[in-house]
N, C-alpha and C. Protein backbone atom coordinates (compact mmCIF):
# COMPACT_ATOMS: atom_id res chain seq x y z
N UNK A 1 -13.97 -18.26 -6.66
CA UNK A 1 -13.36 -17.80 -5.72
C UNK A 1 -12.69 -16.43 -5.57
N UNK A 2 -13.07 -15.79 -4.69
CA UNK A 2 -12.25 -14.45 -4.87
C UNK A 2 -10.68 -14.50 -4.33
N UNK A 3 -9.94 -13.62 -5.44
CA UNK A 3 -8.74 -13.56 -5.02
C UNK A 3 -8.33 -12.90 -3.89
N UNK A 4 -7.33 -13.10 -3.28
CA UNK A 4 -6.76 -12.31 -2.12
C UNK A 4 -6.09 -11.12 -2.50
N UNK A 5 -5.90 -10.29 -1.60
CA UNK A 5 -4.99 -9.00 -2.06
C UNK A 5 -3.80 -9.31 -2.42
N UNK A 6 -3.25 -10.28 -1.99
CA UNK A 6 -1.79 -10.61 -1.92
C UNK A 6 -1.78 -11.37 -3.57
N UNK A 7 -2.51 -11.92 -3.77
CA UNK A 7 -2.49 -12.74 -5.23
C UNK A 7 -2.61 -11.64 -6.25
N UNK A 8 -3.56 -10.45 -5.85
CA UNK A 8 -3.69 -9.78 -7.16
C UNK A 8 -2.44 -8.85 -6.96
N UNK A 9 -2.09 -8.37 -6.23
CA UNK A 9 -0.74 -7.51 -5.98
C UNK A 9 0.30 -8.31 -6.65
N UNK A 10 0.68 -9.57 -6.44
CA UNK A 10 1.62 -10.54 -6.93
C UNK A 10 1.64 -10.46 -8.60
N UNK A 11 0.37 -10.67 -8.76
CA UNK A 11 -0.01 -10.91 -10.49
C UNK A 11 0.22 -9.71 -11.18
N UNK A 12 -0.02 -8.21 -10.36
CA UNK A 12 0.08 -7.01 -10.94
C UNK A 12 1.54 -6.84 -10.90
N UNK A 13 2.22 -6.95 -9.93
CA UNK A 13 3.65 -6.50 -9.78
C UNK A 13 4.45 -7.16 -10.62
N UNK A 14 3.96 -8.47 -10.94
CA UNK A 14 4.74 -9.35 -12.05
C UNK A 14 4.79 -8.83 -13.49
N UNK A 15 3.98 -8.16 -13.70
CA UNK A 15 3.98 -7.45 -15.06
C UNK A 15 4.11 -5.99 -15.04
N UNK A 16 4.34 -5.67 -13.86
CA UNK A 16 4.58 -4.07 -13.64
C UNK A 16 6.00 -3.72 -13.38
N UNK A 17 7.05 -3.41 -14.51
CA UNK A 17 8.43 -3.26 -14.33
C UNK A 17 9.02 -2.23 -13.49
N UNK A 18 7.81 -1.44 -12.83
CA UNK A 18 8.18 -0.42 -11.89
C UNK A 18 8.46 -0.86 -10.26
N UNK A 19 7.86 -2.06 -10.30
CA UNK A 19 7.81 -2.66 -8.87
C UNK A 19 9.00 -3.56 -8.77
N UNK A 20 9.61 -3.16 -7.68
CA UNK A 20 10.87 -3.81 -7.27
C UNK A 20 10.77 -4.71 -5.84
N UNK A 21 11.47 -5.62 -5.47
CA UNK A 21 11.33 -6.26 -4.15
C UNK A 21 11.16 -5.77 -3.13
N UNK A 22 11.68 -4.11 -2.96
CA UNK A 22 11.42 -3.61 -1.84
C UNK A 22 9.75 -3.09 -1.61
N UNK A 23 9.12 -2.88 -3.16
CA UNK A 23 7.77 -2.54 -3.08
C UNK A 23 7.05 -3.77 -2.48
N UNK A 24 7.46 -4.84 -2.72
CA UNK A 24 6.78 -6.08 -2.54
C UNK A 24 6.74 -6.47 -0.86
N UNK A 25 7.97 -6.07 -0.45
CA UNK A 25 8.38 -6.19 1.10
C UNK A 25 7.39 -5.08 1.86
N UNK A 26 7.25 -4.04 1.61
CA UNK A 26 6.28 -2.81 2.15
C UNK A 26 4.92 -3.57 1.90
N UNK A 27 4.59 -3.95 0.97
CA UNK A 27 3.05 -4.26 0.72
C UNK A 27 2.99 -5.48 1.63
N UNK A 28 3.86 -6.34 1.59
CA UNK A 28 3.53 -7.65 2.23
C UNK A 28 3.46 -7.17 3.90
N UNK A 29 4.41 -6.37 4.25
CA UNK A 29 4.31 -6.05 5.57
C UNK A 29 3.08 -5.09 5.91
N UNK A 30 2.38 -4.55 5.08
CA UNK A 30 0.96 -4.08 5.52
C UNK A 30 0.04 -5.18 5.44
N UNK A 31 0.12 -6.02 4.36
CA UNK A 31 -0.75 -7.26 4.55
C UNK A 31 -0.72 -7.98 5.91
N UNK A 32 0.59 -8.27 6.62
CA UNK A 32 0.93 -8.89 7.77
C UNK A 32 -0.11 -8.14 8.72
N UNK A 33 0.36 -6.55 8.82
CA UNK A 33 -0.36 -6.01 9.67
C UNK A 33 -1.86 -6.17 9.71
N UNK A 34 -2.36 -5.97 8.48
CA UNK A 34 -3.87 -6.09 8.32
C UNK A 34 -4.38 -7.49 8.86
N UNK A 35 -3.52 -8.53 8.59
CA UNK A 35 -3.97 -10.00 9.18
C UNK A 35 -4.14 -9.94 10.61
N UNK A 36 -3.00 -9.24 11.02
CA UNK A 36 -2.56 -9.39 12.69
C UNK A 36 -3.82 -8.71 13.32
N UNK A 37 -4.44 -7.66 12.79
CA UNK A 37 -5.25 -6.71 13.35
C UNK A 37 -6.72 -7.20 12.89
N UNK A 38 -6.98 -8.37 12.37
CA UNK A 38 -8.10 -8.86 12.33
C UNK A 38 -8.67 -8.94 10.65
N UNK A 39 -8.13 -8.31 9.74
CA UNK A 39 -8.21 -8.11 8.40
C UNK A 39 -9.36 -6.90 7.92
N UNK A 40 -9.44 -6.05 8.80
CA UNK A 40 -10.28 -5.05 8.74
C UNK A 40 -9.53 -3.71 8.19
N UNK A 41 -9.88 -2.99 7.12
CA UNK A 41 -9.36 -2.15 6.57
C UNK A 41 -9.89 -0.91 7.18
N UNK A 42 -9.37 0.29 7.38
CA UNK A 42 -8.04 0.75 7.07
C UNK A 42 -7.11 0.05 7.95
N UNK A 43 -5.80 -0.18 7.50
CA UNK A 43 -4.77 -0.91 8.33
C UNK A 43 -4.21 0.77 8.99
N UNK A 44 -4.17 0.45 10.23
CA UNK A 44 -3.48 1.53 11.32
C UNK A 44 -2.05 1.09 11.67
N UNK A 45 -1.32 2.18 11.31
CA UNK A 45 0.32 1.42 11.52
C UNK A 45 1.07 2.56 11.71
N UNK A 46 2.21 2.50 12.38
CA UNK A 46 3.31 3.30 12.81
C UNK A 46 4.39 3.35 11.76
N UNK A 47 4.90 4.34 11.27
CA UNK A 47 6.13 4.10 10.48
C UNK A 47 7.49 3.15 10.78
N UNK A 48 7.53 3.48 12.08
CA UNK A 48 8.78 2.46 12.58
C UNK A 48 8.32 0.95 12.45
N UNK A 49 7.21 0.64 12.74
CA UNK A 49 6.84 -0.69 12.80
C UNK A 49 6.82 -1.29 11.32
N UNK A 50 6.45 -0.32 10.33
CA UNK A 50 6.24 -0.76 8.99
C UNK A 50 7.72 -1.11 8.46
N UNK A 51 8.71 0.07 8.91
CA UNK A 51 9.78 -0.18 8.45
C UNK A 51 10.60 -1.43 8.89
N UNK A 52 10.40 -1.78 10.29
CA UNK A 52 11.01 -2.81 10.74
C UNK A 52 10.53 -4.17 10.15
N UNK A 53 9.26 -4.31 9.77
CA UNK A 53 8.50 -5.52 9.54
C UNK A 53 9.17 -5.76 7.87
N UNK A 54 9.03 -4.60 7.20
CA UNK A 54 9.57 -4.81 5.79
C UNK A 54 10.97 -4.70 5.75
N UNK A 55 11.84 -4.55 6.46
CA UNK A 55 13.32 -4.66 6.71
C UNK A 55 13.67 -3.39 5.78
N UNK A 56 13.13 -2.20 5.91
CA UNK A 56 13.59 -1.10 5.27
C UNK A 56 14.38 -0.21 6.28
N UNK A 57 15.69 0.11 6.02
CA UNK A 57 16.56 0.79 7.20
C UNK A 57 16.50 2.31 6.94
N UNK A 58 16.26 2.82 5.69
CA UNK A 58 16.44 4.15 5.67
C UNK A 58 14.89 5.04 5.62
N UNK A 59 14.79 6.22 6.10
CA UNK A 59 13.70 6.85 6.19
C UNK A 59 13.43 7.27 4.67
N UNK A 60 14.48 7.59 3.75
CA UNK A 60 14.21 8.13 2.37
C UNK A 60 13.75 7.04 1.70
N UNK A 61 14.41 5.86 1.76
CA UNK A 61 13.72 4.62 1.05
C UNK A 61 12.26 4.31 1.42
N UNK A 62 12.17 4.36 2.75
CA UNK A 62 10.92 4.19 3.09
C UNK A 62 9.69 4.98 2.48
N UNK A 63 9.88 6.28 2.51
CA UNK A 63 9.05 7.19 1.61
C UNK A 63 8.98 7.03 0.54
N UNK A 64 10.00 6.71 -0.28
CA UNK A 64 10.08 6.81 -1.63
C UNK A 64 9.39 5.61 -2.15
N UNK A 65 9.59 4.35 -1.36
CA UNK A 65 8.68 3.35 -1.62
C UNK A 65 7.30 3.23 -1.40
N UNK A 66 6.82 3.93 -0.19
CA UNK A 66 5.25 4.13 0.05
C UNK A 66 4.84 5.12 -1.04
N UNK A 67 5.41 6.25 -1.56
CA UNK A 67 5.09 6.96 -2.48
C UNK A 67 4.79 6.34 -3.67
N UNK A 68 5.82 5.51 -3.97
CA UNK A 68 5.37 4.65 -5.28
C UNK A 68 4.35 3.88 -5.42
N UNK A 69 4.06 3.35 -4.18
CA UNK A 69 2.98 2.41 -4.20
C UNK A 69 1.59 3.35 -4.16
N UNK A 70 1.87 4.38 -3.61
CA UNK A 70 0.61 5.33 -3.88
C UNK A 70 0.43 5.75 -5.18
N UNK A 71 1.29 6.33 -5.78
CA UNK A 71 1.34 6.71 -7.07
C UNK A 71 0.62 5.74 -8.21
N UNK A 72 1.35 4.60 -7.76
CA UNK A 72 0.94 3.61 -8.95
C UNK A 72 -0.30 2.87 -8.48
N UNK A 73 -1.20 3.30 -7.34
CA UNK A 73 -2.35 2.80 -7.18
C UNK A 73 -2.51 1.63 -6.54
N UNK A 74 -1.66 1.07 -5.65
CA UNK A 74 -1.50 -0.08 -4.82
C UNK A 74 -2.09 0.13 -3.65
N UNK A 75 -2.02 1.36 -3.14
CA UNK A 75 -2.57 1.59 -1.78
C UNK A 75 -3.08 3.03 -1.86
N UNK A 76 -3.98 3.10 -0.88
CA UNK A 76 -4.28 4.70 -0.49
C UNK A 76 -3.71 4.89 1.00
N UNK A 77 -3.18 5.97 1.11
CA UNK A 77 -2.60 6.44 2.44
C UNK A 77 -3.14 7.76 2.97
N UNK A 78 -3.18 7.88 4.25
CA UNK A 78 -3.77 8.76 4.87
C UNK A 78 -2.77 9.19 6.23
N UNK A 79 -2.06 10.04 6.12
CA UNK A 79 -1.22 10.48 7.28
C UNK A 79 -2.09 11.06 8.41
N UNK A 80 -1.87 10.32 9.53
CA UNK A 80 -2.42 11.19 10.69
C UNK A 80 -1.53 11.45 11.71
N UNK A 81 -1.68 12.50 12.43
CA UNK A 81 -0.84 13.07 13.51
C UNK A 81 -1.54 12.45 14.91
N UNK A 82 -1.60 11.39 14.99
CA UNK A 82 -2.34 10.59 15.89
C UNK A 82 -1.54 9.26 16.62
N UNK A 83 -1.28 9.12 17.80
CA UNK A 83 -0.31 8.48 18.61
C UNK A 83 -0.59 7.04 18.05
N UNK A 84 -2.04 6.76 17.46
CA UNK A 84 -2.25 5.34 17.14
C UNK A 84 -1.52 4.91 15.77
N UNK A 85 -1.29 6.10 14.88
CA UNK A 85 -0.40 5.48 13.72
C UNK A 85 -1.28 6.34 12.31
N UNK A 86 -0.69 5.98 11.41
CA UNK A 86 -1.43 6.50 10.00
C UNK A 86 -2.31 5.43 9.56
N UNK A 87 -3.01 5.71 8.50
CA UNK A 87 -3.95 4.83 7.86
C UNK A 87 -3.67 4.30 6.43
N UNK A 88 -3.80 3.07 6.03
CA UNK A 88 -3.49 2.82 4.76
C UNK A 88 -4.68 1.79 4.00
N UNK A 89 -4.96 1.84 3.11
CA UNK A 89 -6.08 0.98 2.52
C UNK A 89 -5.38 0.25 1.41
N UNK A 90 -5.40 -0.94 1.14
CA UNK A 90 -4.83 -1.86 -0.11
C UNK A 90 -6.06 -1.90 -1.23
N UNK A 91 -5.59 -1.53 -2.10
CA UNK A 91 -6.40 -1.43 -3.27
C UNK A 91 -6.55 -2.35 -4.11
N UNK A 92 -7.76 -2.89 -4.44
CA UNK A 92 -7.54 -3.99 -5.57
C UNK A 92 -7.64 -3.51 -7.02
N UNK A 93 -7.74 -4.41 -8.04
CA UNK A 93 -7.34 -3.85 -9.50
C UNK A 93 -8.42 -3.18 -9.96
N UNK A 94 -9.49 -3.15 -9.58
CA UNK A 94 -10.50 -2.41 -10.19
C UNK A 94 -10.22 -0.77 -9.89
N UNK A 95 -9.89 -0.51 -8.73
CA UNK A 95 -9.40 1.00 -8.48
C UNK A 95 -8.28 1.44 -8.95
N UNK A 96 -7.27 0.40 -9.16
CA UNK A 96 -6.07 0.78 -9.82
C UNK A 96 -6.18 1.23 -11.25
N UNK A 97 -7.26 0.43 -11.83
CA UNK A 97 -7.15 0.71 -13.41
C UNK A 97 -7.99 2.14 -13.39
N UNK A 98 -8.87 2.43 -12.51
CA UNK A 98 -9.25 3.78 -12.60
C UNK A 98 -8.17 4.88 -12.23
N UNK A 99 -7.40 4.33 -11.36
CA UNK A 99 -6.13 5.52 -10.95
C UNK A 99 -5.44 5.62 -12.31
N UNK A 100 -5.37 4.73 -13.04
CA UNK A 100 -4.37 5.10 -14.40
C UNK A 100 -5.12 5.84 -15.25
N UNK A 101 -6.41 5.87 -15.35
CA UNK A 101 -7.47 6.66 -16.20
C UNK A 101 -7.57 8.27 -15.64
N UNK A 102 -7.52 8.54 -14.45
CA UNK A 102 -7.66 9.75 -13.81
C UNK A 102 -6.22 10.13 -13.45
N UNK A 103 -6.21 11.67 -13.11
CA UNK A 103 -4.94 12.12 -12.59
C UNK A 103 -5.11 11.69 -11.04
N UNK A 104 -4.03 11.92 -10.33
CA UNK A 104 -3.77 11.57 -8.86
C UNK A 104 -5.03 11.95 -8.01
N UNK A 105 -5.06 13.32 -8.35
CA UNK A 105 -6.11 14.08 -7.06
C UNK A 105 -7.63 13.58 -7.80
N UNK A 106 -7.91 13.50 -8.95
CA UNK A 106 -9.15 12.79 -9.27
C UNK A 106 -9.61 11.63 -8.80
N UNK A 107 -8.50 10.85 -8.80
CA UNK A 107 -8.63 9.13 -8.49
C UNK A 107 -8.79 9.16 -6.87
N UNK A 108 -8.10 10.09 -6.17
CA UNK A 108 -8.32 10.03 -4.66
C UNK A 108 -9.80 10.68 -4.39
N UNK A 109 -10.03 11.74 -5.17
CA UNK A 109 -11.77 11.90 -4.83
C UNK A 109 -12.58 11.02 -4.97
N UNK A 110 -12.38 10.26 -6.24
CA UNK A 110 -13.35 9.20 -6.51
C UNK A 110 -13.19 8.08 -5.54
N UNK A 111 -12.32 8.07 -4.83
CA UNK A 111 -11.98 6.56 -4.08
C UNK A 111 -12.47 6.98 -2.57
N UNK A 112 -12.69 8.39 -2.27
CA UNK A 112 -13.22 8.64 -0.82
C UNK A 112 -14.72 8.62 -0.54
């Protein structure tokens, strides 16, 4: 049986001392939007909606938390200046281990 993205994330987050409850909240909000929109990646979202669902009140906290998840390889993010919103991909364990081995720009090139 294939593990869900939530199961993989929670198992990894449980052993990653850098992941705090706010990271879990933001990731869960992305999962909620993914499921609501039919389960197809990429996830298209607007910052305000993601902040409301994850209960993050500050812009700085939101950006810091999002950047943490990107840098640690839990998500890939593509900002867009489009009224529909930004794009995010929830990344499984296989790609995250690759991110740990490569520098940030090399890992992003590999995943594209």
